Amino acid sequence: MKSPSNTHPRPSPLPSIPDFCPACDATDKPFASIQRETEQDFRSATFRVISPVLCCRHCGFDLLGPGHLDALRLATHDAYRRQHGLLTAAEISARRKAMGISQKRFAAYLGVGSASIERWESGILVQDKASDLLIRERTDHTLFLAPDESRNPITKTVFKPSIPPAHAVTSTPVKTTTTHCVSAPSSGSNPYPNSSHVISPAA
């Protein structure tokens, strides 16, 4: 006797791109992925963003394929971020990766929940101004990181200005010479010559 799992097989997964167009009834796999500019409303503002869609090559009908809704949301949220001077999702992710730490450790470093980091980087949520300032203050040092440097600021200072100490800075080499100033002896004066040191620039 067959087990219930074999009696009721799992349904086949949906195709990533439809085989037909519901608008013009074309059945020759008419859809192709293209980049389309659209208007999106977010927080009482309208943004023109570019994101991928599936377009029928016969009638021009558009629909969203797998992952396209997430890409559209990300493009819209990043447009809002740029308008309001906030770090984009890619910029937050780049700063974390420059430090060489996971999202969980990055969240602990900032003192926020790990879910917040995941949502900010994926574009699901937009960080508020206070959170954006926190990220900038704790990660601005990553702007000075070289590709081969250690990338964990928690355990190592990563940015060191290459300024020599004050005593090592010299603009012109100098040499020391000695001259003797002799004055005519007079009554009650010191008959021995006085000597002094003069520092003059090198030739």
Foldseek 3Di string as FASTA:
>chain_A
DDDPCVVDDDDDDDDQQDQADPPPGDRNSQWDKDWDWDWDDDPNDIDTFIFIWIAGPPPGDTDHTPPRVLRVLLRVLQVVCVVVVFDRLVRLVVLVVLLVDDLCVVCVLLVHHSVVNVCRNSNVDPDDPVSRVSSCVSRVQSVVADPPFNRHVVVDDRDDDPDDDPVPDDDFDKDKDKDWDADDDDPPDDNDTDIDIDIDTDD
